[in-house]
Protein backbone atom coordinates (compact mmCIF):
# COMPACT_ATOMS: atom_id res chain seq x y z
CA UNK A 1 -46.32 -49.21 33.42
CA UNK A 2 -48.56 -52.18 34.20
CA UNK A 3 -45.58 -54.16 35.54
CA UNK A 4 -44.56 -52.61 38.90
CA UNK A 5 -41.69 -55.07 39.37
CA UNK A 6 -39.44 -53.48 36.72
CA UNK A 7 -36.50 -51.42 37.96
CA UNK A 8 -37.39 -48.07 36.41
CA UNK A 9 -41.12 -48.30 37.20
CA UNK A 10 -41.27 -45.14 39.34
CA UNK A 11 -39.10 -43.23 36.87
CA UNK A 12 -41.42 -44.07 33.96
CA UNK A 13 -44.50 -43.16 36.00
CA UNK A 14 -43.03 -39.74 36.83
CA UNK A 15 -41.97 -39.17 33.21
CA UNK A 16 -45.44 -39.84 31.79
CA UNK A 17 -47.12 -37.79 34.52
CA UNK A 18 -44.92 -34.82 33.62
CA UNK A 19 -45.64 -35.38 29.92
CA UNK A 20 -49.38 -35.37 30.65
CA UNK A 21 -49.02 -32.15 32.65
CA UNK A 22 -47.07 -30.46 29.83
CA UNK A 23 -49.68 -31.67 27.32
CA UNK A 24 -52.50 -30.24 29.46
CA UNK A 25 -50.79 -26.83 29.64
CA UNK A 26 -50.11 -26.93 25.90
CA UNK A 27 -53.76 -27.72 25.12
CA UNK A 28 -54.87 -24.89 27.41
CA UNK A 29 -52.64 -22.34 25.62
CA UNK A 30 -53.77 -23.57 22.19
CA UNK A 31 -57.43 -23.39 23.24
CA UNK A 32 -57.03 -19.79 24.44
CA UNK A 33 -55.29 -18.75 21.21
CA UNK A 34 -57.88 -20.58 19.09
CA UNK A 35 -60.89 -19.03 20.82
CA UNK A 36 -59.31 -15.58 20.74
CA UNK A 37 -58.56 -15.86 17.02
CA UNK A 38 -62.07 -17.09 16.17
CA UNK A 39 -63.63 -14.38 18.37
CA UNK A 40 -61.74 -11.64 16.51
CA UNK A 41 -62.62 -13.23 13.16
CA UNK A 42 -66.31 -13.54 14.06
CA UNK A 43 -66.63 -9.99 15.38
CA UNK A 44 -64.90 -8.50 12.32
CA UNK A 45 -67.15 -10.53 10.00
CA UNK A 46 -70.29 -9.45 11.87
CA UNK A 47 -69.19 -5.80 11.90
CA UNK A 48 -68.44 -5.71 8.15
CA UNK A 49 -71.66 -7.49 7.13
CA UNK A 50 -73.77 -5.29 9.41
CA UNK A 51 -72.19 -2.10 8.05
CA UNK A 52 -72.66 -3.17 4.41
CA UNK A 53 -76.27 -4.16 5.01
CA UNK A 54 -77.02 -0.90 6.82
CA UNK A 55 -75.36 1.06 4.03
CA UNK A 56 -77.47 -0.73 1.40
CA UNK A 57 -80.70 -0.15 3.39
CA UNK A 58 -80.02 3.57 3.76
CA UNK A 59 -79.69 4.06 -0.02
CA UNK A 60 -82.86 2.12 -0.91
CA UNK A 61 -85.74 3.84 -2.68
CA UNK A 62 -88.59 4.91 -0.39
CA UNK A 63 -90.95 2.48 -2.12
CA UNK A 64 -88.77 -0.44 -1.06
CA UNK A 65 -89.96 0.00 2.54
CA UNK A 66 -93.65 -0.35 1.61
CA UNK A 67 -93.44 -4.15 1.60
CA UNK A 68 -94.53 -6.00 4.76
CA UNK A 69 -91.28 -7.95 4.66
CA UNK A 70 -89.36 -4.64 4.95
CA UNK A 71 -91.04 -3.44 8.14
CA UNK A 72 -88.76 -1.61 10.60
CA UNK A 73 -89.07 -4.40 13.16
CA UNK A 74 -87.94 -7.04 10.67
CA UNK A 75 -85.03 -4.95 9.40
CA UNK A 76 -83.84 -4.11 12.91
CA UNK A 77 -84.14 -7.79 13.86
CA UNK A 78 -81.97 -8.74 10.88
CA UNK A 79 -79.35 -6.15 11.81
CA UNK A 80 -79.27 -7.02 15.50
CA UNK A 81 -79.87 -10.77 15.69
CA UNK A 82 -79.70 -12.54 12.32
CA UNK A 83 -76.26 -11.20 11.43
CA UNK A 84 -74.92 -12.17 14.85
CA UNK A 85 -75.56 -15.80 13.86
CA UNK A 86 -72.62 -15.44 11.46
CA UNK A 87 -70.42 -14.92 14.49
CA UNK A 88 -71.43 -18.31 15.88
CA UNK A 89 -70.95 -19.92 12.49
CA UNK A 90 -67.40 -18.66 12.14
CA UNK A 91 -66.37 -19.35 15.74
CA UNK A 92 -68.21 -22.39 17.05
CA UNK A 93 -68.96 -24.47 13.96
CA UNK A 94 -65.54 -24.31 12.29
CA UNK A 95 -63.62 -24.91 15.53
CA UNK A 96 -65.85 -27.82 16.59
CA UNK A 97 -65.64 -29.45 13.15
CA UNK A 98 -61.86 -29.07 12.98
CA UNK A 99 -61.41 -30.46 16.49
CA UNK A 100 -63.75 -33.39 15.82
CA UNK A 101 -62.05 -34.25 12.53
CA UNK A 102 -58.59 -34.08 14.08
CA UNK A 103 -59.71 -36.20 17.04
CA UNK A 104 -61.20 -38.88 14.78
CA UNK A 105 -58.08 -39.10 12.57
CA UNK A 106 -55.57 -39.21 15.44
CA UNK A 107 -57.78 -41.52 17.49
CA UNK A 108 -58.17 -44.01 14.64
CA UNK A 109 -54.40 -44.04 14.00
CA UNK A 110 -53.75 -44.82 17.68
CA UNK A 111 -56.56 -47.40 17.74
CA UNK A 112 -55.27 -49.26 14.67
CA UNK A 113 -51.76 -49.28 16.14
CA UNK A 114 -52.80 -50.92 19.43
CA UNK A 115 -55.83 -53.05 18.42
CA UNK A 116 -56.94 -53.15 14.80
CA UNK A 117 -59.96 -55.36 15.62
CA UNK A 118 -61.38 -52.87 18.11
CA UNK A 119 -60.55 -50.06 15.69
CA UNK A 120 -62.61 -51.73 12.95
CA UNK A 121 -65.58 -52.07 15.31
CA UNK A 122 -65.27 -48.39 16.24
CA UNK A 123 -64.91 -47.42 12.59
CA UNK A 124 -68.18 -49.23 11.84
CA UNK A 125 -69.97 -47.06 14.42
CA UNK A 126 -68.88 -43.76 12.83
CA UNK A 127 -71.72 -43.70 10.22
CA UNK A 128 -74.26 -44.06 13.05
CA UNK A 129 -72.67 -41.15 14.93
CA UNK A 130 -72.72 -39.01 11.76
CA UNK A 131 -76.38 -39.92 11.12
CA UNK A 132 -77.26 -38.99 14.70
CA UNK A 133 -75.49 -35.64 14.33
CA UNK A 134 -77.30 -34.93 11.05
CA UNK A 135 -80.68 -35.69 12.66
CA UNK A 136 -79.80 -33.46 15.62
CA UNK A 137 -78.87 -30.56 13.30
CA UNK A 138 -82.11 -31.02 11.33
CA UNK A 139 -84.23 -30.96 14.49
CA UNK A 140 -82.39 -27.88 15.77
CA UNK A 141 -82.99 -26.10 12.46
CA UNK A 142 -86.70 -26.96 12.61
CA UNK A 143 -87.00 -25.73 16.19
CA UNK A 144 -85.51 -22.39 15.09
CA UNK A 145 -87.98 -22.15 12.23
CA UNK A 146 -85.44 -22.49 9.44
CA UNK A 147 -87.03 -25.34 7.52
CA UNK A 148 -90.12 -26.46 9.38
CA UNK A 149 -93.31 -26.80 7.32
CA UNK A 150 -96.43 -24.79 7.95
CA UNK A 151 -94.72 -21.49 8.61
CA UNK A 152 -95.69 -18.05 7.34
CA UNK A 153 -93.91 -18.66 4.06
CA UNK A 154 -93.49 -22.29 2.99
CA UNK A 155 -91.40 -21.40 -0.04
CA UNK A 156 -88.83 -19.53 2.03
CA UNK A 157 -86.45 -21.94 3.75
CA UNK A 158 -85.02 -19.14 5.89
CA UNK A 159 -88.38 -18.14 7.37
CA UNK A 160 -88.21 -16.62 10.83
CA UNK A 161 -91.54 -17.18 12.56
CA UNK A 162 -91.10 -14.03 14.64
CA UNK A 163 -90.86 -11.74 11.60
CA UNK A 164 -94.59 -10.98 11.36
CA UNK A 165 -94.99 -10.51 15.12
CA UNK A 166 -91.91 -8.25 15.21
CA UNK A 167 -93.28 -6.21 12.31
CA UNK A 168 -96.64 -5.75 14.06
CA UNK A 169 -94.93 -4.88 17.33
CA UNK A 170 -92.66 -2.25 15.77
CA UNK A 171 -95.60 -0.64 13.94
CA UNK A 172 -97.61 -0.50 17.17
CA UNK A 173 -94.79 1.11 19.12
CA UNK A 174 -94.02 3.69 16.42
CA UNK A 175 -97.71 4.56 16.02
CA UNK A 176 -98.62 4.26 19.69
CA UNK A 177 -100.86 7.37 19.85
CA UNK A 178 -102.84 6.27 16.81
CA UNK A 179 -103.32 2.77 18.23
CA UNK A 180 -104.57 4.14 21.57
CA UNK A 181 -107.05 6.38 19.73
CA UNK A 182 -108.68 3.30 18.18
CA UNK A 183 -110.40 2.49 21.47
CA UNK A 184 -110.36 -0.55 23.81
CA UNK A 185 -112.07 -2.97 21.39
CA UNK A 186 -109.57 -2.38 18.61
CA UNK A 187 -106.67 -2.64 21.05
CA UNK A 188 -107.97 -6.01 22.25
CA UNK A 189 -108.22 -7.13 18.61
CA UNK A 190 -104.60 -6.13 17.99
CA UNK A 191 -103.45 -7.96 21.14
CA UNK A 192 -105.33 -11.06 20.01
CA UNK A 193 -103.75 -10.83 16.56
CA UNK A 194 -100.29 -10.53 18.12
CA UNK A 195 -100.91 -13.60 20.29
CA UNK A 196 -101.99 -15.59 17.21
CA UNK A 197 -98.74 -14.68 15.44
CA UNK A 198 -96.84 -16.19 18.37
CA UNK A 199 -98.64 -19.57 18.21
CA UNK A 200 -96.48 -21.08 15.43
CA UNK A 201 -93.12 -20.16 17.07
CA UNK A 202 -94.46 -21.51 20.34
CA UNK A 203 -95.28 -24.83 18.67
């Protein structure tokens, strides 16, 4: 294609343009099917886990709810938000990893076929890319409060820094009349306590 003087130059150009167009349509159809399949998988997984967890909570002994970690706000947060993270895990993570792995393998085969020297240089950069991805994942996990030090519970690697504030908030809303009867000073104290619980997530 880089030699325009050959006889079938225009014919080859048209052929590869059509091949590229067919490939683009094929990738589009595969992407739609892939995202649809992962969406169905993720929603079914989330639905089943949420139903099983709800079923297990309903049959718990009344004393199980006395713990601060079992406050209504925390339990509702787990049912509504935490389980939905499974959806992202099953749809985004698996598809991205499979696409990246396939791209690396096919790309390296093509690279070694055309220029093995350049392919070796590129291959040497892969560990740096993997290290950068690992650092990025670690920083993202810390920003979400999954493994950052100094949280409410240092021994719990799955600590959600909003758990205590959500628990306080749910108790205040459910016992609103009682809270109002405490008087303005006590209400200000509660508001100050709530703001302190939000400091660590804010950091």
